Amino acid sequence: MLSPALAGAGEWSVAASAGPFFSGRFAESQVTIVNGESTVRISRSLTAKTRAGLLLDVERGFNDRVSIRFDAGINEAPLSISTDDDDTPDDGTSLEIGEMRVMTFSIPLVFRFNHAGSLRPYILAGPAYSLYDFQPNQSTGSVPIFDGTRGRLGVTAGAGLDWWLSERLAIFAQTSDIYTKAPLNADDFEGPRPRSYSIENPHNVRTSVGLRYSF
């Protein structure tokens, strides 16, 4: 175990990490079709697939336990409309309509446990902001959502673990969730709308492993 004077002694640190980012569901609709005595409920959802993302941060320590962090993350993932029904849930279809690039920014407070050890679990929470940039596929023609970039406010919360290898260098693993208002609006969807539809507030779940350097 490292002593408090050695383990991450600097007031400032920088970190870089990468891992799978999940951008969540943006909209969902349900249509019920009745044919005689049989009823089929068809569900459609607009989701971004999980893809690798990059996360960078700068952290300022107030004491051995509490610090404030500014982090920025980015990932790009295919945006798809998926369809399935109750009778054949494994035979659903998926149509990629473009790419969704999500840039996330947050300023959480970080609270570390076991501040005198080499292994330091921590939790974090604070305000966040996400930029959603959608680029439609040219082959799909017109798509029923916005084309461009929209920003949304939100909050973040998460947890992680630092493993200090030396006075200055640590390996860490972290997962966090940035929850924002939906980037979609009701008037983004052209044509007749199903009776049952909802616009979802997405969860940007970021899981990553990286290095932290203290100075």
N, C-alpha and C. Protein backbone atom coordinates (compact mmCIF):
# COMPACT_ATOMS: atom_id res chain seq x y z
N MET A 1 0.84 -1.20 0.00
CA MET A 1 0.00 0.00 0.00
C MET A 1 0.88 1.25 0.00
N LEU A 2 0.42 2.30 -0.69
CA LEU A 2 1.18 3.53 -0.76
C LEU A 2 0.75 4.48 0.34
N SER A 3 1.66 5.27 0.82
CA SER A 3 1.33 6.23 1.85
C SER A 3 0.59 7.41 1.26
N PRO A 4 -0.18 8.20 2.06
CA PRO A 4 -0.89 9.36 1.54
C PRO A 4 0.04 10.36 0.88
N ALA A 5 1.29 10.45 1.35
CA ALA A 5 2.20 11.43 0.78
C ALA A 5 2.67 11.05 -0.61
N LEU A 6 2.55 9.75 -0.95
CA LEU A 6 3.06 9.30 -2.24
C LEU A 6 1.98 9.06 -3.26
N ALA A 7 0.87 8.52 -2.85
CA ALA A 7 -0.13 8.08 -3.81
C ALA A 7 -0.92 9.28 -4.34
N GLY A 8 -0.68 9.66 -5.57
CA GLY A 8 -1.41 10.75 -6.18
C GLY A 8 -1.24 12.04 -5.42
N ALA A 9 0.00 12.41 -5.13
CA ALA A 9 0.24 13.54 -4.26
C ALA A 9 -0.09 14.88 -4.90
N GLY A 10 -0.10 14.96 -6.24
CA GLY A 10 -0.34 16.23 -6.90
C GLY A 10 -1.76 16.71 -6.77
N GLU A 11 -1.96 18.03 -6.85
CA GLU A 11 -3.29 18.61 -6.79
C GLU A 11 -4.02 18.49 -8.12
N TRP A 12 -3.27 18.38 -9.21
CA TRP A 12 -3.87 18.27 -10.53
C TRP A 12 -3.55 16.92 -11.15
N SER A 13 -4.47 16.44 -11.98
CA SER A 13 -4.20 15.22 -12.73
C SER A 13 -4.93 15.28 -14.06
N VAL A 14 -4.42 14.53 -15.03
CA VAL A 14 -5.05 14.41 -16.34
C VAL A 14 -5.22 12.93 -16.62
N ALA A 15 -6.22 12.60 -17.44
CA ALA A 15 -6.50 11.19 -17.73
C ALA A 15 -7.05 11.03 -19.13
N ALA A 16 -6.82 9.86 -19.70
CA ALA A 16 -7.38 9.46 -20.99
C ALA A 16 -7.83 8.02 -20.88
N SER A 17 -8.99 7.72 -21.43
CA SER A 17 -9.51 6.36 -21.37
C SER A 17 -10.38 6.09 -22.58
N ALA A 18 -10.65 4.82 -22.83
CA ALA A 18 -11.49 4.41 -23.95
C ALA A 18 -12.27 3.17 -23.56
N GLY A 19 -13.38 2.96 -24.25
CA GLY A 19 -14.20 1.79 -23.98
C GLY A 19 -15.52 1.90 -24.69
N PRO A 20 -16.44 0.95 -24.45
CA PRO A 20 -17.73 0.97 -25.12
C PRO A 20 -18.64 2.06 -24.56
N PHE A 21 -19.23 2.84 -25.46
CA PHE A 21 -20.20 3.88 -25.09
C PHE A 21 -21.56 3.48 -25.63
N PHE A 22 -22.58 3.63 -24.80
CA PHE A 22 -23.95 3.30 -25.18
C PHE A 22 -24.78 4.58 -25.13
N SER A 23 -25.37 4.96 -26.27
CA SER A 23 -26.08 6.24 -26.34
C SER A 23 -27.58 6.12 -26.10
N GLY A 24 -28.10 4.93 -25.98
CA GLY A 24 -29.48 4.79 -25.56
C GLY A 24 -30.53 4.86 -26.65
N ARG A 25 -31.79 4.88 -26.20
CA ARG A 25 -32.95 4.90 -27.08
C ARG A 25 -33.49 6.31 -27.17
N PHE A 26 -33.84 6.72 -28.39
CA PHE A 26 -34.30 8.09 -28.61
C PHE A 26 -35.81 8.18 -28.82
N ALA A 27 -36.44 7.15 -29.34
CA ALA A 27 -37.89 7.18 -29.56
C ALA A 27 -38.39 5.75 -29.70
N GLU A 28 -39.68 5.58 -29.40
CA GLU A 28 -40.31 4.26 -29.51
C GLU A 28 -41.78 4.43 -29.86
N SER A 29 -42.30 3.52 -30.67
CA SER A 29 -43.73 3.53 -31.01
C SER A 29 -44.26 2.11 -31.02
N GLN A 30 -45.56 1.98 -30.82
CA GLN A 30 -46.21 0.68 -30.86
C GLN A 30 -47.48 0.78 -31.70
N VAL A 31 -47.68 -0.22 -32.54
CA VAL A 31 -48.87 -0.31 -33.38
C VAL A 31 -49.51 -1.67 -33.16
N THR A 32 -50.81 -1.70 -32.91
CA THR A 32 -51.54 -2.95 -32.69
C THR A 32 -52.39 -3.25 -33.92
N ILE A 33 -52.19 -4.44 -34.47
CA ILE A 33 -52.94 -4.88 -35.65
C ILE A 33 -53.83 -6.04 -35.23
N VAL A 34 -55.13 -5.91 -35.52
CA VAL A 34 -56.11 -6.94 -35.19
C VAL A 34 -56.60 -7.58 -36.47
N ASN A 35 -56.43 -8.90 -36.59
CA ASN A 35 -56.89 -9.65 -37.76
C ASN A 35 -57.73 -10.82 -37.28
N GLY A 36 -59.04 -10.60 -37.28
CA GLY A 36 -59.93 -11.62 -36.75
C GLY A 36 -59.75 -11.77 -35.26
N GLU A 37 -59.38 -12.98 -34.83
CA GLU A 37 -59.18 -13.23 -33.42
C GLU A 37 -57.73 -13.03 -32.99
N SER A 38 -56.84 -12.81 -33.92
CA SER A 38 -55.42 -12.64 -33.57
C SER A 38 -55.06 -11.17 -33.49
N THR A 39 -54.18 -10.86 -32.56
CA THR A 39 -53.70 -9.50 -32.35
C THR A 39 -52.18 -9.51 -32.33
N VAL A 40 -51.59 -8.61 -33.10
CA VAL A 40 -50.14 -8.50 -33.15
C VAL A 40 -49.75 -7.08 -32.77
N ARG A 41 -48.85 -6.95 -31.84
CA ARG A 41 -48.34 -5.65 -31.42
C ARG A 41 -46.94 -5.47 -31.99
N ILE A 42 -46.77 -4.47 -32.84
CA ILE A 42 -45.50 -4.19 -33.49
C ILE A 42 -44.84 -3.00 -32.81
N SER A 43 -43.59 -3.18 -32.42
CA SER A 43 -42.84 -2.11 -31.75
C SER A 43 -41.72 -1.63 -32.67
N ARG A 44 -41.53 -0.31 -32.70
CA ARG A 44 -40.42 0.29 -33.44
C ARG A 44 -39.64 1.18 -32.49
N SER A 45 -38.33 1.11 -32.57
CA SER A 45 -37.49 1.93 -31.70
C SER A 45 -36.36 2.55 -32.51
N LEU A 46 -35.98 3.76 -32.11
CA LEU A 46 -34.88 4.49 -32.72
C LEU A 46 -33.73 4.51 -31.73
N THR A 47 -32.67 3.78 -32.02
CA THR A 47 -31.57 3.62 -31.07
C THR A 47 -30.23 3.77 -31.77
N ALA A 48 -29.22 4.14 -30.99
CA ALA A 48 -27.83 4.17 -31.48
C ALA A 48 -27.12 2.94 -30.94
N LYS A 49 -26.36 2.27 -31.80
CA LYS A 49 -25.66 1.07 -31.39
C LYS A 49 -24.47 1.41 -30.49
N THR A 50 -24.05 0.43 -29.70
CA THR A 50 -22.90 0.61 -28.82
C THR A 50 -21.61 0.58 -29.65
N ARG A 51 -20.79 1.59 -29.43
CA ARG A 51 -19.52 1.69 -30.15
C ARG A 51 -18.43 2.22 -29.21
N ALA A 52 -17.17 2.09 -29.62
CA ALA A 52 -16.06 2.57 -28.82
C ALA A 52 -16.06 4.10 -28.75
N GLY A 53 -15.67 4.63 -27.60
CA GLY A 53 -15.59 6.06 -27.41
C GLY A 53 -14.32 6.45 -26.67
N LEU A 54 -14.01 7.74 -26.71
CA LEU A 54 -12.82 8.28 -26.07
C LEU A 54 -13.24 9.29 -25.02
N LEU A 55 -12.56 9.26 -23.86
CA LEU A 55 -12.88 10.15 -22.74
C LEU A 55 -11.60 10.78 -22.22
N LEU A 56 -11.59 12.11 -22.10
CA LEU A 56 -10.46 12.86 -21.55
C LEU A 56 -10.94 13.68 -20.37
N ASP A 57 -10.08 13.86 -19.36
CA ASP A 57 -10.48 14.70 -18.24
C ASP A 57 -9.30 15.38 -17.58
N VAL A 58 -9.59 16.50 -16.92
CA VAL A 58 -8.65 17.23 -16.07
C VAL A 58 -9.28 17.34 -14.70
N GLU A 59 -8.52 17.01 -13.64
CA GLU A 59 -9.08 16.98 -12.28
C GLU A 59 -8.26 17.84 -11.33
N ARG A 60 -8.96 18.55 -10.48
CA ARG A 60 -8.32 19.40 -9.47
C ARG A 60 -8.72 18.91 -8.09
N GLY A 61 -7.73 18.47 -7.30
CA GLY A 61 -8.02 17.96 -5.97
C GLY A 61 -8.07 19.06 -4.92
N PHE A 62 -9.08 19.00 -4.06
CA PHE A 62 -9.19 19.93 -2.94
C PHE A 62 -8.50 19.38 -1.69
N ASN A 63 -8.59 18.05 -1.52
CA ASN A 63 -7.94 17.36 -0.40
C ASN A 63 -7.76 15.90 -0.82
N ASP A 64 -7.51 15.02 0.15
CA ASP A 64 -7.25 13.62 -0.17
C ASP A 64 -8.48 12.90 -0.73
N ARG A 65 -9.67 13.42 -0.45
CA ARG A 65 -10.88 12.71 -0.84
C ARG A 65 -11.69 13.40 -1.94
N VAL A 66 -11.77 14.71 -1.91
CA VAL A 66 -12.70 15.44 -2.78
C VAL A 66 -11.95 16.19 -3.87
N SER A 67 -12.47 16.12 -5.08
CA SER A 67 -11.90 16.85 -6.21
C SER A 67 -13.03 17.22 -7.17
N ILE A 68 -12.72 18.11 -8.09
CA ILE A 68 -13.65 18.48 -9.14
C ILE A 68 -13.01 18.13 -10.48
N ARG A 69 -13.81 17.69 -11.41
CA ARG A 69 -13.29 17.18 -12.68
C ARG A 69 -14.05 17.82 -13.84
N PHE A 70 -13.32 18.11 -14.89
CA PHE A 70 -13.94 18.48 -16.17
C PHE A 70 -13.59 17.39 -17.16
N ASP A 71 -14.62 16.75 -17.73
CA ASP A 71 -14.32 15.70 -18.71
C ASP A 71 -15.10 15.92 -19.99
N ALA A 72 -14.56 15.37 -21.07
CA ALA A 72 -15.17 15.45 -22.39
C ALA A 72 -15.03 14.09 -23.06
N GLY A 73 -16.12 13.63 -23.65
CA GLY A 73 -16.10 12.34 -24.33
C GLY A 73 -16.74 12.45 -25.70
N ILE A 74 -16.38 11.53 -26.58
CA ILE A 74 -16.96 11.51 -27.92
C ILE A 74 -17.04 10.08 -28.42
N ASN A 75 -18.13 9.78 -29.11
CA ASN A 75 -18.24 8.52 -29.83
C ASN A 75 -19.20 8.70 -30.99
N GLU A 76 -19.10 7.82 -31.95
CA GLU A 76 -19.95 7.86 -33.14
C GLU A 76 -20.51 6.47 -33.37
N ALA A 77 -21.82 6.39 -33.62
CA ALA A 77 -22.46 5.09 -33.74
C ALA A 77 -23.56 5.13 -34.78
N PRO A 78 -23.83 4.00 -35.45
CA PRO A 78 -24.95 3.94 -36.38
C PRO A 78 -26.28 4.13 -35.65
N LEU A 79 -27.16 4.91 -36.25
CA LEU A 79 -28.50 5.12 -35.70
C LEU A 79 -29.47 4.28 -36.53
N SER A 80 -30.27 3.46 -35.85
CA SER A 80 -31.10 2.48 -36.54
C SER A 80 -32.54 2.55 -36.07
N ILE A 81 -33.44 2.22 -36.99
CA ILE A 81 -34.84 1.99 -36.65
C ILE A 81 -35.04 0.48 -36.63
N SER A 82 -35.39 -0.06 -35.46
CA SER A 82 -35.58 -1.50 -35.30
C SER A 82 -37.05 -1.81 -35.13
N THR A 83 -37.49 -2.92 -35.73
CA THR A 83 -38.90 -3.33 -35.68
C THR A 83 -38.99 -4.78 -35.22
N ASP A 84 -39.89 -5.06 -34.30
CA ASP A 84 -40.17 -6.44 -33.91
C ASP A 84 -41.61 -6.53 -33.46
N ASP A 85 -42.13 -7.77 -33.36
CA ASP A 85 -43.49 -7.97 -32.89
C ASP A 85 -43.51 -9.02 -31.80
N ASP A 86 -44.68 -9.13 -31.13
CA ASP A 86 -44.80 -10.02 -29.97
C ASP A 86 -44.65 -11.48 -30.35
N ASP A 87 -45.12 -11.87 -31.54
CA ASP A 87 -45.12 -13.28 -31.92
C ASP A 87 -43.74 -13.78 -32.32
N THR A 88 -42.95 -12.93 -32.97
CA THR A 88 -41.62 -13.35 -33.44
C THR A 88 -40.58 -12.33 -33.02
N PRO A 89 -40.28 -12.22 -31.72
CA PRO A 89 -39.35 -11.20 -31.24
C PRO A 89 -37.93 -11.38 -31.76
N ASP A 90 -37.56 -12.63 -32.18
CA ASP A 90 -36.21 -12.88 -32.66
C ASP A 90 -36.05 -12.60 -34.16
N ASP A 91 -37.15 -12.27 -34.84
CA ASP A 91 -37.10 -12.06 -36.28
C ASP A 91 -37.27 -10.59 -36.64
N GLY A 92 -36.86 -9.70 -35.75
CA GLY A 92 -37.00 -8.27 -36.00
C GLY A 92 -36.07 -7.79 -37.11
N THR A 93 -36.38 -6.63 -37.64
CA THR A 93 -35.57 -6.02 -38.69
C THR A 93 -34.95 -4.73 -38.17
N SER A 94 -33.86 -4.32 -38.82
CA SER A 94 -33.17 -3.10 -38.41
C SER A 94 -32.71 -2.36 -39.66
N LEU A 95 -32.97 -1.06 -39.71
CA LEU A 95 -32.57 -0.22 -40.84
C LEU A 95 -31.71 0.92 -40.32
N GLU A 96 -30.45 0.96 -40.78
CA GLU A 96 -29.56 2.05 -40.41
C GLU A 96 -29.90 3.29 -41.24
N ILE A 97 -30.18 4.41 -40.57
CA ILE A 97 -30.58 5.62 -41.27
C ILE A 97 -29.52 6.70 -41.23
N GLY A 98 -28.42 6.46 -40.52
CA GLY A 98 -27.37 7.46 -40.47
C GLY A 98 -26.43 7.23 -39.30
N GLU A 99 -25.61 8.25 -39.03
CA GLU A 99 -24.65 8.19 -37.93
C GLU A 99 -24.99 9.25 -36.89
N MET A 100 -24.94 8.85 -35.62
CA MET A 100 -25.15 9.77 -34.52
C MET A 100 -23.82 9.96 -33.79
N ARG A 101 -23.31 11.20 -33.80
CA ARG A 101 -22.10 11.53 -33.06
C ARG A 101 -22.53 12.25 -31.78
N VAL A 102 -22.07 11.75 -30.65
CA VAL A 102 -22.45 12.34 -29.36
C VAL A 102 -21.19 12.83 -28.66
N MET A 103 -21.15 14.14 -28.38
CA MET A 103 -20.08 14.72 -27.57
C MET A 103 -20.66 15.07 -26.21
N THR A 104 -20.01 14.60 -25.15
CA THR A 104 -20.51 14.80 -23.80
C THR A 104 -19.50 15.59 -22.98
N PHE A 105 -20.02 16.50 -22.17
CA PHE A 105 -19.19 17.31 -21.27
C PHE A 105 -19.83 17.27 -19.89
N SER A 106 -19.01 17.15 -18.86
CA SER A 106 -19.56 17.15 -17.50
C SER A 106 -18.54 17.74 -16.54
N ILE A 107 -19.06 18.26 -15.41
CA ILE A 107 -18.22 18.83 -14.35
C ILE A 107 -18.66 18.21 -13.02
N PRO A 108 -18.28 16.95 -12.77
CA PRO A 108 -18.71 16.30 -11.54
C PRO A 108 -17.77 16.54 -10.38
N LEU A 109 -18.31 16.46 -9.18
CA LEU A 109 -17.50 16.32 -7.97
C LEU A 109 -17.17 14.85 -7.80
N VAL A 110 -15.93 14.58 -7.37
CA VAL A 110 -15.47 13.21 -7.20
C VAL A 110 -15.12 12.99 -5.73
N PHE A 111 -15.63 11.91 -5.16
CA PHE A 111 -15.34 11.56 -3.76
C PHE A 111 -14.67 10.20 -3.74
N ARG A 112 -13.45 10.14 -3.23
CA ARG A 112 -12.68 8.89 -3.19
C ARG A 112 -12.71 8.27 -1.79
N PHE A 113 -12.77 6.94 -1.77
CA PHE A 113 -12.67 6.16 -0.55
C PHE A 113 -11.24 5.61 -0.44
N ASN A 114 -10.87 5.16 0.74
CA ASN A 114 -9.57 4.54 0.96
C ASN A 114 -8.46 5.43 0.39
N HIS A 115 -8.48 6.70 0.76
CA HIS A 115 -7.58 7.68 0.16
C HIS A 115 -6.11 7.42 0.44
N ALA A 116 -5.79 6.58 1.43
CA ALA A 116 -4.39 6.30 1.77
C ALA A 116 -3.87 5.04 1.07
N GLY A 117 -4.71 4.34 0.33
CA GLY A 117 -4.28 3.09 -0.28
C GLY A 117 -3.95 3.23 -1.75
N SER A 118 -3.42 2.17 -2.32
CA SER A 118 -3.13 2.17 -3.75
C SER A 118 -4.39 1.92 -4.57
N LEU A 119 -5.37 1.22 -4.01
CA LEU A 119 -6.67 1.01 -4.66
C LEU A 119 -7.67 1.99 -4.07
N ARG A 120 -8.24 2.85 -4.92
CA ARG A 120 -9.13 3.90 -4.42
C ARG A 120 -10.44 3.92 -5.20
N PRO A 121 -11.47 3.29 -4.70
CA PRO A 121 -12.78 3.42 -5.35
C PRO A 121 -13.32 4.84 -5.18
N TYR A 122 -14.15 5.27 -6.10
CA TYR A 122 -14.72 6.61 -6.01
C TYR A 122 -16.09 6.67 -6.67
N ILE A 123 -16.82 7.71 -6.31
CA ILE A 123 -18.11 8.00 -6.93
C ILE A 123 -18.05 9.44 -7.43
N LEU A 124 -18.91 9.76 -8.40
CA LEU A 124 -18.93 11.11 -8.96
C LEU A 124 -20.36 11.48 -9.35
N ALA A 125 -20.63 12.80 -9.34
CA ALA A 125 -21.94 13.30 -9.76
C ALA A 125 -21.82 14.79 -10.04
N GLY A 126 -22.63 15.26 -11.00
CA GLY A 126 -22.60 16.69 -11.32
C GLY A 126 -23.39 17.01 -12.57
N PRO A 127 -23.35 18.27 -13.01
CA PRO A 127 -24.07 18.68 -14.22
C PRO A 127 -23.35 18.21 -15.48
N ALA A 128 -24.12 18.14 -16.58
CA ALA A 128 -23.56 17.65 -17.84
C ALA A 128 -24.25 18.33 -19.01
N TYR A 129 -23.62 18.20 -20.16
CA TYR A 129 -24.16 18.77 -21.40
C TYR A 129 -23.74 17.86 -22.55
N SER A 130 -24.69 17.56 -23.45
CA SER A 130 -24.40 16.69 -24.58
C SER A 130 -24.76 17.36 -25.89
N LEU A 131 -23.92 17.17 -26.89
CA LEU A 131 -24.18 17.62 -28.26
C LEU A 131 -24.48 16.39 -29.11
N TYR A 132 -25.67 16.37 -29.71
CA TYR A 132 -26.09 15.27 -30.56
C TYR A 132 -26.02 15.74 -32.01
N ASP A 133 -25.18 15.09 -32.80
CA ASP A 133 -25.01 15.46 -34.20
C ASP A 133 -25.42 14.27 -35.06
N PHE A 134 -26.43 14.48 -35.89
CA PHE A 134 -26.95 13.40 -36.74
C PHE A 134 -26.63 13.69 -38.20
N GLN A 135 -26.05 12.69 -38.86
CA GLN A 135 -25.74 12.76 -40.28
C GLN A 135 -26.47 11.63 -40.99
N PRO A 136 -27.52 11.93 -41.78
CA PRO A 136 -28.30 10.87 -42.42
C PRO A 136 -27.55 10.19 -43.55
N ASN A 137 -27.89 8.92 -43.78
CA ASN A 137 -27.37 8.22 -44.94
C ASN A 137 -27.99 8.79 -46.20
N GLN A 138 -27.19 9.03 -47.20
CA GLN A 138 -27.72 9.53 -48.46
C GLN A 138 -28.61 8.50 -49.14
N SER A 139 -28.31 7.22 -48.93
CA SER A 139 -29.06 6.17 -49.61
C SER A 139 -30.48 6.00 -49.07
N THR A 140 -30.72 6.45 -47.82
CA THR A 140 -32.06 6.28 -47.24
C THR A 140 -33.00 7.41 -47.62
N GLY A 141 -32.48 8.45 -48.27
CA GLY A 141 -33.32 9.57 -48.63
C GLY A 141 -33.74 10.35 -47.40
N SER A 142 -34.98 10.83 -47.41
CA SER A 142 -35.49 11.63 -46.31
C SER A 142 -35.69 10.76 -45.07
N VAL A 143 -35.22 11.23 -43.93
CA VAL A 143 -35.43 10.53 -42.67
C VAL A 143 -36.24 11.42 -41.74
N PRO A 144 -37.06 10.82 -40.90
CA PRO A 144 -38.01 11.61 -40.12
C PRO A 144 -37.43 12.19 -38.84
N ILE A 145 -36.16 12.64 -38.85
CA ILE A 145 -35.61 13.31 -37.69
C ILE A 145 -34.71 14.44 -38.16
N PHE A 146 -34.17 15.19 -37.22
CA PHE A 146 -33.40 16.38 -37.56
C PHE A 146 -32.08 16.03 -38.25
N ASP A 147 -31.58 16.99 -39.00
CA ASP A 147 -30.28 16.88 -39.66
C ASP A 147 -29.42 18.03 -39.13
N GLY A 148 -28.36 17.72 -38.37
CA GLY A 148 -27.53 18.76 -37.78
C GLY A 148 -27.17 18.43 -36.35
N THR A 149 -26.98 19.48 -35.53
CA THR A 149 -26.51 19.31 -34.15
C THR A 149 -27.46 19.99 -33.18
N ARG A 150 -27.76 19.30 -32.08
CA ARG A 150 -28.57 19.86 -31.01
C ARG A 150 -27.90 19.59 -29.66
N GLY A 151 -27.93 20.60 -28.79
CA GLY A 151 -27.36 20.46 -27.46
C GLY A 151 -28.44 20.30 -26.41
N ARG A 152 -28.16 19.49 -25.38
CA ARG A 152 -29.12 19.24 -24.32
C ARG A 152 -28.40 19.20 -22.97
N LEU A 153 -29.02 19.83 -21.96
CA LEU A 153 -28.50 19.79 -20.60
C LEU A 153 -28.90 18.49 -19.91
N GLY A 154 -28.11 18.11 -18.91
CA GLY A 154 -28.42 16.90 -18.17
C GLY A 154 -27.60 16.79 -16.90
N VAL A 155 -27.54 15.58 -16.38
CA VAL A 155 -26.76 15.29 -15.17
C VAL A 155 -25.95 14.02 -15.40
N THR A 156 -24.90 13.87 -14.62
CA THR A 156 -24.09 12.65 -14.70
C THR A 156 -23.87 12.06 -13.32
N ALA A 157 -23.72 10.76 -13.28
CA ALA A 157 -23.37 10.05 -12.04
C ALA A 157 -22.60 8.80 -12.44
N GLY A 158 -21.69 8.38 -11.58
CA GLY A 158 -20.92 7.19 -11.91
C GLY A 158 -20.04 6.74 -10.76
N ALA A 159 -19.21 5.73 -11.07
CA ALA A 159 -18.30 5.17 -10.08
C ALA A 159 -17.09 4.61 -10.80
N GLY A 160 -15.98 4.50 -10.07
CA GLY A 160 -14.77 3.98 -10.68
C GLY A 160 -13.78 3.50 -9.63
N LEU A 161 -12.62 3.07 -10.12
CA LEU A 161 -11.57 2.56 -9.24
C LEU A 161 -10.22 2.97 -9.81
N ASP A 162 -9.42 3.68 -8.99
CA ASP A 162 -8.03 4.02 -9.32
C ASP A 162 -7.10 2.99 -8.71
N TRP A 163 -6.10 2.55 -9.47
CA TRP A 163 -5.04 1.69 -8.95
C TRP A 163 -3.72 2.43 -9.18
N TRP A 164 -3.19 3.03 -8.09
CA TRP A 164 -1.97 3.82 -8.20
C TRP A 164 -0.76 2.91 -8.24
N LEU A 165 -0.04 2.98 -9.37
CA LEU A 165 1.15 2.16 -9.57
C LEU A 165 2.40 2.82 -9.02
N SER A 166 2.37 4.13 -8.93
CA SER A 166 3.51 4.90 -8.43
C SER A 166 2.99 6.20 -7.86
N GLU A 167 3.88 7.10 -7.52
CA GLU A 167 3.49 8.40 -6.97
C GLU A 167 2.64 9.20 -7.94
N ARG A 168 2.87 9.03 -9.24
CA ARG A 168 2.21 9.87 -10.23
C ARG A 168 1.25 9.13 -11.16
N LEU A 169 1.41 7.83 -11.33
CA LEU A 169 0.69 7.12 -12.39
C LEU A 169 -0.31 6.12 -11.83
N ALA A 170 -1.51 6.12 -12.41
CA ALA A 170 -2.56 5.18 -11.99
C ALA A 170 -3.28 4.62 -13.20
N ILE A 171 -3.72 3.38 -13.07
CA ILE A 171 -4.67 2.77 -14.01
C ILE A 171 -6.05 2.89 -13.39
N PHE A 172 -7.05 3.21 -14.20
CA PHE A 172 -8.39 3.31 -13.63
C PHE A 172 -9.42 2.71 -14.58
N ALA A 173 -10.53 2.29 -13.98
CA ALA A 173 -11.71 1.83 -14.72
C ALA A 173 -12.90 2.59 -14.18
N GLN A 174 -13.81 2.96 -15.07
CA GLN A 174 -14.93 3.81 -14.67
C GLN A 174 -16.15 3.56 -15.52
N THR A 175 -17.31 3.71 -14.92
CA THR A 175 -18.56 3.73 -15.67
C THR A 175 -19.38 4.91 -15.19
N SER A 176 -19.99 5.62 -16.12
CA SER A 176 -20.81 6.77 -15.76
C SER A 176 -21.98 6.88 -16.73
N ASP A 177 -23.02 7.56 -16.29
CA ASP A 177 -24.23 7.73 -17.09
C ASP A 177 -24.55 9.22 -17.18
N ILE A 178 -24.61 9.74 -18.40
CA ILE A 178 -25.06 11.11 -18.63
C ILE A 178 -26.49 11.05 -19.14
N TYR A 179 -27.40 11.60 -18.36
CA TYR A 179 -28.83 11.58 -18.67
C TYR A 179 -29.26 12.98 -19.06
N THR A 180 -29.78 13.14 -20.28
CA THR A 180 -30.15 14.46 -20.78
C THR A 180 -31.58 14.47 -21.30
N LYS A 181 -32.06 15.66 -21.57
CA LYS A 181 -33.34 15.79 -22.27
C LYS A 181 -33.20 15.24 -23.68
N ALA A 182 -34.30 14.81 -24.25
CA ALA A 182 -34.29 14.20 -25.58
C ALA A 182 -33.85 15.21 -26.64
N PRO A 183 -32.98 14.80 -27.57
CA PRO A 183 -32.61 15.70 -28.66
C PRO A 183 -33.68 15.81 -29.73
N LEU A 184 -34.69 14.95 -29.70
CA LEU A 184 -35.75 14.96 -30.69
C LEU A 184 -36.94 15.79 -30.20
N ASN A 185 -37.67 16.35 -31.15
CA ASN A 185 -38.92 17.05 -30.87
C ASN A 185 -40.07 16.34 -31.58
N ALA A 186 -41.28 16.56 -31.11
CA ALA A 186 -42.44 15.91 -31.72
C ALA A 186 -42.59 16.28 -33.19
N ASP A 187 -42.27 17.53 -33.55
CA ASP A 187 -42.46 17.94 -34.94
C ASP A 187 -41.33 17.48 -35.86
N ASP A 188 -40.36 16.73 -35.33
CA ASP A 188 -39.34 16.14 -36.20
C ASP A 188 -39.91 14.99 -37.02
N PHE A 189 -40.98 14.38 -36.56
CA PHE A 189 -41.54 13.21 -37.21
C PHE A 189 -42.62 13.64 -38.19
N GLU A 190 -42.35 13.42 -39.48
CA GLU A 190 -43.28 13.83 -40.52
C GLU A 190 -44.34 12.76 -40.73
N GLY A 191 -45.47 13.18 -41.30
CA GLY A 191 -46.53 12.25 -41.63
C GLY A 191 -47.35 11.85 -40.42
N PRO A 192 -48.28 10.89 -40.62
CA PRO A 192 -49.14 10.46 -39.51
C PRO A 192 -48.33 9.74 -38.44
N ARG A 193 -48.66 10.02 -37.19
CA ARG A 193 -47.97 9.39 -36.07
C ARG A 193 -48.83 8.27 -35.50
N PRO A 194 -48.21 7.20 -35.00
CA PRO A 194 -49.00 6.15 -34.35
C PRO A 194 -49.64 6.68 -33.08
N ARG A 195 -50.69 6.00 -32.64
CA ARG A 195 -51.39 6.44 -31.43
C ARG A 195 -50.49 6.34 -30.21
N SER A 196 -49.66 5.32 -30.19
CA SER A 196 -48.78 5.10 -29.04
C SER A 196 -47.34 5.33 -29.47
N TYR A 197 -46.79 6.49 -29.10
CA TYR A 197 -45.38 6.74 -29.38
C TYR A 197 -44.82 7.62 -28.27
N SER A 198 -43.52 7.54 -28.09
CA SER A 198 -42.88 8.34 -27.05
C SER A 198 -41.50 8.75 -27.51
N ILE A 199 -41.11 9.94 -27.10
CA ILE A 199 -39.75 10.43 -27.31
C ILE A 199 -39.00 10.25 -26.01
N GLU A 200 -37.87 9.55 -26.05
CA GLU A 200 -37.16 9.14 -24.85
C GLU A 200 -36.02 10.10 -24.50
N ASN A 201 -35.81 10.29 -23.20
CA ASN A 201 -34.61 10.98 -22.74
C ASN A 201 -33.47 9.96 -22.69
N PRO A 202 -32.40 10.15 -23.48
CA PRO A 202 -31.39 9.10 -23.59
C PRO A 202 -30.43 9.06 -22.40
N HIS A 203 -29.91 7.86 -22.17
CA HIS A 203 -28.83 7.63 -21.22
C HIS A 203 -27.55 7.38 -22.02
N ASN A 204 -26.54 8.23 -21.83
CA ASN A 204 -25.24 8.03 -22.46
C ASN A 204 -24.32 7.33 -21.45
N VAL A 205 -24.32 6.01 -21.50
CA VAL A 205 -23.53 5.22 -20.56
C VAL A 205 -22.13 5.03 -21.12
N ARG A 206 -21.13 5.45 -20.35
CA ARG A 206 -19.74 5.42 -20.80
C ARG A 206 -18.94 4.52 -19.86
N THR A 207 -18.42 3.43 -20.40
CA THR A 207 -17.56 2.52 -19.64
C THR A 207 -16.18 2.56 -20.27
N SER A 208 -15.15 2.82 -19.47
CA SER A 208 -13.83 2.99 -20.04
C SER A 208 -12.74 2.57 -19.07
N VAL A 209 -11.57 2.29 -19.63
CA VAL A 209 -10.36 1.96 -18.88
C VAL A 209 -9.24 2.83 -19.42
N GLY A 210 -8.41 3.39 -18.52
CA GLY A 210 -7.37 4.29 -19.00
C GLY A 210 -6.28 4.55 -17.97
N LEU A 211 -5.52 5.62 -18.23
CA LEU A 211 -4.41 6.02 -17.37
C LEU A 211 -4.63 7.42 -16.83
N ARG A 212 -4.21 7.64 -15.58
CA ARG A 212 -4.26 8.95 -14.96
C ARG A 212 -2.86 9.35 -14.51
N TYR A 213 -2.48 10.59 -14.80
CA TYR A 213 -1.17 11.10 -14.39
C TYR A 213 -1.37 12.30 -13.48
N SER A 214 -0.76 12.27 -12.31
CA SER A 214 -0.89 13.32 -11.31
C SER A 214 0.38 14.17 -11.29
N PHE A 215 0.21 15.50 -11.13
CA PHE A 215 1.39 16.38 -11.09
C PHE A 215 1.15 17.55 -10.16
